[in-house]
Amino acid sequence: MSEGKKKLSAREYLGQLEELDINISQDLERLEEMKTDACNPGGIDYSKDRVQTSISGDKLGGQVTRYVTFNEHINSEIDRFADAKEQIISEIRGLHDTHYIQLLFKVYVQFKTLKVAADEMKMSYQYVRNAHKKALAAFEKTYSNLRYLT
């Protein structure tokens, strides 16, 4: 079965949102590095004799072009993330069970651990673990054809 056609578990499907968020964060770090590199083009060593000159292209212009192109790529990733987030929120709310909705939202939209979710919901960790399993099962039953979002 190809990557785009693979059926996902509810955990894998909902976990895509955090993966997209991590990818965007990493790309933003890379963009910052590109900006730093473009702003520090380096120096010219005038102590050496110049034997031959050649046109090597506009290094700074190339760096700026790569920066702008990568920035546009990140903006499209952010748009895809926002669309995926809205879709997942809508699907979570489609379960029509307040405990499941609250729990899945905290874990898969806000990226909180089950322990943090249990504390915030003022419930025992064990109860939340069991509720999480049931919520994922309910999600899979409600949405049986889970696929990759992007």
C-alpha atoms as a PDB file:
ATOM      1  CA  MET A   1       0.000   0.000   0.000  1.00  0.00           C
ATOM      2  CA  SER A   2       1.454   3.383  -0.909  1.00  0.00           C
ATOM      3  CA  GLU A   3       2.199   6.076   1.710  1.00  0.00           C
ATOM      4  CA  GLY A   4      -0.696   8.306   0.656  1.00  0.00           C
ATOM      5  CA  LYS A   5      -3.204   5.410   0.667  1.00  0.00           C
ATOM      6  CA  LYS A   6      -2.301   3.863   4.041  1.00  0.00           C
ATOM      7  CA  LYS A   7      -5.137   3.774   6.560  1.00  0.00           C
ATOM      8  CA  LEU A   8      -4.088   5.395   9.821  1.00  0.00           C
ATOM      9  CA  SER A   9      -5.006   4.774  13.425  1.00  0.00           C
ATOM     10  CA  ALA A  10      -6.697   7.645  15.251  1.00  0.00           C
ATOM     11  CA  ARG A  11      -3.475   8.284  17.200  1.00  0.00           C
ATOM     12  CA  GLU A  12      -1.427   8.509  13.990  1.00  0.00           C
ATOM     13  CA  TYR A  13      -4.031  10.655  12.274  1.00  0.00           C
ATOM     14  CA  LEU A  14      -4.400  13.117  15.133  1.00  0.00           C
ATOM     15  CA  GLY A  15      -0.642  13.131  15.743  1.00  0.00           C
ATOM     16  CA  GLN A  16      -0.054  14.621  12.299  1.00  0.00           C
ATOM     17  CA  LEU A  17      -0.859  18.061  13.667  1.00  0.00           C
ATOM     18  CA  GLU A  18       2.073  18.034  16.081  1.00  0.00           C
ATOM     19  CA  GLU A  19       4.345  16.720  13.341  1.00  0.00           C
ATOM     20  CA  LEU A  20       3.337  19.611  11.076  1.00  0.00           C
ATOM     21  CA  ASP A  21       3.943  22.047  13.941  1.00  0.00           C
ATOM     22  CA  ILE A  22       7.421  20.620  14.561  1.00  0.00           C
ATOM     23  CA  ASN A  23       8.261  20.801  10.852  1.00  0.00           C
ATOM     24  CA  ILE A  24       7.234  24.459  10.723  1.00  0.00           C
ATOM     25  CA  SER A  25       9.311  25.264  13.816  1.00  0.00           C
ATOM     26  CA  GLN A  26      12.355  23.566  12.291  1.00  0.00           C
ATOM     27  CA  ASP A  27      11.851  25.410   9.014  1.00  0.00           C
ATOM     28  CA  LEU A  28      11.586  28.731  10.863  1.00  0.00           C
ATOM     29  CA  GLU A  29      14.929  27.962  12.542  1.00  0.00           C
ATOM     30  CA  ARG A  30      16.440  27.195   9.136  1.00  0.00           C
ATOM     31  CA  LEU A  31      14.999  30.445   7.767  1.00  0.00           C
ATOM     32  CA  GLU A  32      16.636  32.380  10.596  1.00  0.00           C
ATOM     33  CA  GLU A  33      19.967  30.709   9.758  1.00  0.00           C
ATOM     34  CA  MET A  34      19.526  31.677   6.103  1.00  0.00           C
ATOM     35  CA  LYS A  35      18.849  35.272   7.150  1.00  0.00           C
ATOM     36  CA  THR A  36      21.973  35.320   9.317  1.00  0.00           C
ATOM     37  CA  ASP A  37      24.062  33.883   6.479  1.00  0.00           C
ATOM     38  CA  ALA A  38      22.716  36.451   4.027  1.00  0.00           C
ATOM     39  CA  CYS A  39      23.408  39.317   6.442  1.00  0.00           C
ATOM     40  CA  ASN A  40      26.995  38.149   7.031  1.00  0.00           C
ATOM     41  CA  PRO A  41      28.394  37.706   3.541  1.00  0.00           C
ATOM     42  CA  GLY A  42      31.971  37.423   4.838  1.00  0.00           C
ATOM     43  CA  GLY A  43      34.991  39.474   4.015  1.00  0.00           C
ATOM     44  CA  ILE A  44      37.416  39.814   1.168  1.00  0.00           C
ATOM     45  CA  ASP A  45      41.046  38.904   1.689  1.00  0.00           C
ATOM     46  CA  TYR A  46      43.012  41.799   0.197  1.00  0.00           C
ATOM     47  CA  SER A  47      46.364  40.451   1.403  1.00  0.00           C
ATOM     48  CA  LYS A  48      46.639  37.960  -1.452  1.00  0.00           C
ATOM     49  CA  ASP A  49      47.615  38.885  -4.976  1.00  0.00           C
ATOM     50  CA  ARG A  50      44.763  38.683  -7.405  1.00  0.00           C
ATOM     51  CA  VAL A  51      45.756  36.687 -10.438  1.00  0.00           C
ATOM     52  CA  GLN A  52      42.524  36.311 -12.270  1.00  0.00           C
ATOM     53  CA  THR A  53      39.079  37.714 -11.829  1.00  0.00           C
ATOM     54  CA  SER A  54      35.894  36.075 -12.882  1.00  0.00           C
ATOM     55  CA  ILE A  55      32.243  36.713 -12.493  1.00  0.00           C
ATOM     56  CA  SER A  56      31.047  34.316  -9.858  1.00  0.00           C
ATOM     57  CA  GLY A  57      27.500  35.574  -9.714  1.00  0.00           C
ATOM     58  CA  ASP A  58      25.766  37.603  -7.102  1.00  0.00           C
ATOM     59  CA  LYS A  59      26.118  35.495  -3.952  1.00  0.00           C
ATOM     60  CA  LEU A  60      24.022  37.845  -1.818  1.00  0.00           C
ATOM     61  CA  GLY A  61      21.287  37.990  -4.461  1.00  0.00           C
ATOM     62  CA  GLY A  62      21.179  34.194  -4.572  1.00  0.00           C
ATOM     63  CA  GLN A  63      20.944  33.982  -0.799  1.00  0.00           C
ATOM     64  CA  VAL A  64      18.111  36.526  -0.712  1.00  0.00           C
ATOM     65  CA  THR A  65      16.260  34.651  -3.458  1.00  0.00           C
ATOM     66  CA  ARG A  66      16.601  31.347  -1.550  1.00  0.00           C
ATOM     67  CA  TYR A  67      15.431  33.104   1.640  1.00  0.00           C
ATOM     68  CA  VAL A  68      12.341  34.583  -0.030  1.00  0.00           C
ATOM     69  CA  THR A  69      11.479  31.285  -1.746  1.00  0.00           C
ATOM     70  CA  PHE A  70      11.877  29.332   1.500  1.00  0.00           C
ATOM     71  CA  ASN A  71       9.818  31.933   3.373  1.00  0.00           C
ATOM     72  CA  GLU A  72       7.000  31.454   0.835  1.00  0.00           C
ATOM     73  CA  HIS A  73       7.281  27.681   1.344  1.00  0.00           C
ATOM     74  CA  ILE A  74       6.924  28.137   5.114  1.00  0.00           C
ATOM     75  CA  ASN A  75       3.884  30.366   4.625  1.00  0.00           C
ATOM     76  CA  SER A  76       2.214  27.638   2.557  1.00  0.00           C
ATOM     77  CA  GLU A  77       3.116  25.079   5.277  1.00  0.00           C
ATOM     78  CA  ILE A  78       1.489  27.347   7.864  1.00  0.00           C
ATOM     79  CA  ASP A  79      -1.640  27.575   5.706  1.00  0.00           C
ATOM     80  CA  ARG A  80      -1.770  23.762   5.428  1.00  0.00           C
ATOM     81  CA  PHE A  81      -1.261  23.496   9.195  1.00  0.00           C
ATOM     82  CA  ALA A  82      -4.124  25.926   9.868  1.00  0.00           C
ATOM     83  CA  ASP A  83      -6.416  23.986   7.517  1.00  0.00           C
ATOM     84  CA  ALA A  84      -5.448  20.646   9.099  1.00  0.00           C
ATOM     85  CA  LYS A  85      -5.945  22.064  12.590  1.00  0.00           C
ATOM     86  CA  GLU A  86      -9.447  23.275  11.753  1.00  0.00           C
ATOM     87  CA  GLN A  87     -10.300  19.907  10.208  1.00  0.00           C
ATOM     88  CA  ILE A  88      -9.066  17.972  13.243  1.00  0.00           C
ATOM     89  CA  ILE A  89     -10.841  20.288  15.691  1.00  0.00           C
ATOM     90  CA  SER A  90     -14.059  19.851  13.734  1.00  0.00           C
ATOM     91  CA  GLU A  91     -13.663  16.068  13.703  1.00  0.00           C
ATOM     92  CA  ILE A  92     -12.878  15.925  17.428  1.00  0.00           C
ATOM     93  CA  ARG A  93     -15.988  17.981  18.142  1.00  0.00           C
ATOM     94  CA  GLY A  94     -17.953  15.562  15.959  1.00  0.00           C
ATOM     95  CA  LEU A  95     -17.601  12.930  18.686  1.00  0.00           C
ATOM     96  CA  HIS A  96     -20.268  14.739  20.754  1.00  0.00           C
ATOM     97  CA  ASP A  97     -18.810  13.551  24.069  1.00  0.00           C
ATOM     98  CA  THR A  98     -17.492  16.409  26.194  1.00  0.00           C
ATOM     99  CA  HIS A  99     -14.845  14.340  27.997  1.00  0.00           C
ATOM    100  CA  TYR A 100     -13.523  12.866  24.754  1.00  0.00           C
ATOM    101  CA  ILE A 101     -13.549  16.269  23.057  1.00  0.00           C
ATOM    102  CA  GLN A 102     -11.771  17.965  25.938  1.00  0.00           C
ATOM    103  CA  LEU A 103      -9.179  15.211  26.243  1.00  0.00           C
ATOM    104  CA  LEU A 104      -8.401  14.828  22.539  1.00  0.00           C
ATOM    105  CA  PHE A 105      -8.239  18.611  22.125  1.00  0.00           C
ATOM    106  CA  LYS A 106      -5.719  18.968  24.953  1.00  0.00           C
ATOM    107  CA  VAL A 107      -3.548  16.104  23.709  1.00  0.00           C
ATOM    108  CA  TYR A 108      -3.694  16.499  19.924  1.00  0.00           C
ATOM    109  CA  VAL A 109      -4.390  20.197  19.371  1.00  0.00           C
ATOM    110  CA  GLN A 110      -2.654  21.769  22.354  1.00  0.00           C
ATOM    111  CA  PHE A 111       0.075  19.057  22.410  1.00  0.00           C
ATOM    112  CA  LYS A 112      -0.227  18.374  26.142  1.00  0.00           C
ATOM    113  CA  THR A 113       0.713  15.108  27.786  1.00  0.00           C
ATOM    114  CA  LEU A 114      -1.910  12.854  29.325  1.00  0.00           C
ATOM    115  CA  LYS A 115      -0.505  13.748  32.760  1.00  0.00           C
ATOM    116  CA  VAL A 116      -0.977  17.482  32.151  1.00  0.00           C
ATOM    117  CA  ALA A 117      -4.430  16.864  30.676  1.00  0.00           C
ATOM    118  CA  ALA A 118      -5.383  14.809  33.752  1.00  0.00           C
ATOM    119  CA  ASP A 119      -4.218  17.580  36.076  1.00  0.00           C
ATOM    120  CA  GLU A 120      -6.097  20.252  34.116  1.00  0.00           C
ATOM    121  CA  MET A 121      -9.254  18.139  33.948  1.00  0.00           C
ATOM    122  CA  LYS A 122      -8.914  17.361  37.678  1.00  0.00           C
ATOM    123  CA  MET A 123      -9.065  13.621  37.034  1.00  0.00           C
ATOM    124  CA  SER A 124      -6.730  10.794  37.891  1.00  0.00           C
ATOM    125  CA  TYR A 125      -4.029   9.910  35.415  1.00  0.00           C
ATOM    126  CA  GLN A 126      -5.286   6.308  35.198  1.00  0.00           C
ATOM    127  CA  TYR A 127      -8.833   7.477  34.419  1.00  0.00           C
ATOM    128  CA  VAL A 128      -7.536   9.802  31.699  1.00  0.00           C
ATOM    129  CA  ARG A 129      -5.400   7.011  30.201  1.00  0.00           C
ATOM    130  CA  ASN A 130      -8.449   4.783  29.925  1.00  0.00           C
ATOM    131  CA  ALA A 131     -10.619   7.633  28.632  1.00  0.00           C
ATOM    132  CA  HIS A 132      -7.934   8.407  26.034  1.00  0.00           C
ATOM    133  CA  LYS A 133      -8.050   4.827  24.724  1.00  0.00           C
ATOM    134  CA  LYS A 134     -11.845   4.971  24.555  1.00  0.00           C
ATOM    135  CA  ALA A 135     -11.776   8.377  22.875  1.00  0.00           C
ATOM    136  CA  LEU A 136      -9.372   7.112  20.203  1.00  0.00           C
ATOM    137  CA  ALA A 137     -11.593   4.052  19.628  1.00  0.00           C
ATOM    138  CA  ALA A 138     -14.650   6.306  19.314  1.00  0.00           C
ATOM    139  CA  PHE A 139     -12.751   8.533  16.887  1.00  0.00           C
ATOM    140  CA  GLU A 140     -11.786   5.553  14.718  1.00  0.00           C
ATOM    141  CA  LYS A 141     -15.357   4.261  14.787  1.00  0.00           C
ATOM    142  CA  THR A 142     -16.746   7.675  13.803  1.00  0.00           C
ATOM    143  CA  TYR A 143     -14.077   8.349  11.145  1.00  0.00           C
ATOM    144  CA  SER A 144     -13.176   4.954   9.711  1.00  0.00           C
ATOM    145  CA  ASN A 145     -11.225   6.136   6.657  1.00  0.00           C
ATOM    146  CA  LEU A 146      -8.360   8.108   8.252  1.00  0.00           C
ATOM    147  CA  ARG A 147      -5.626   9.177   5.824  1.00  0.00           C
ATOM    148  CA  TYR A 148      -2.635  11.508   5.766  1.00  0.00           C
ATOM    149  CA  LEU A 149      -3.706  15.152   5.772  1.00  0.00           C
ATOM    150  CA  THR A 150      -0.923  16.393   3.497  1.00  0.00           C
END
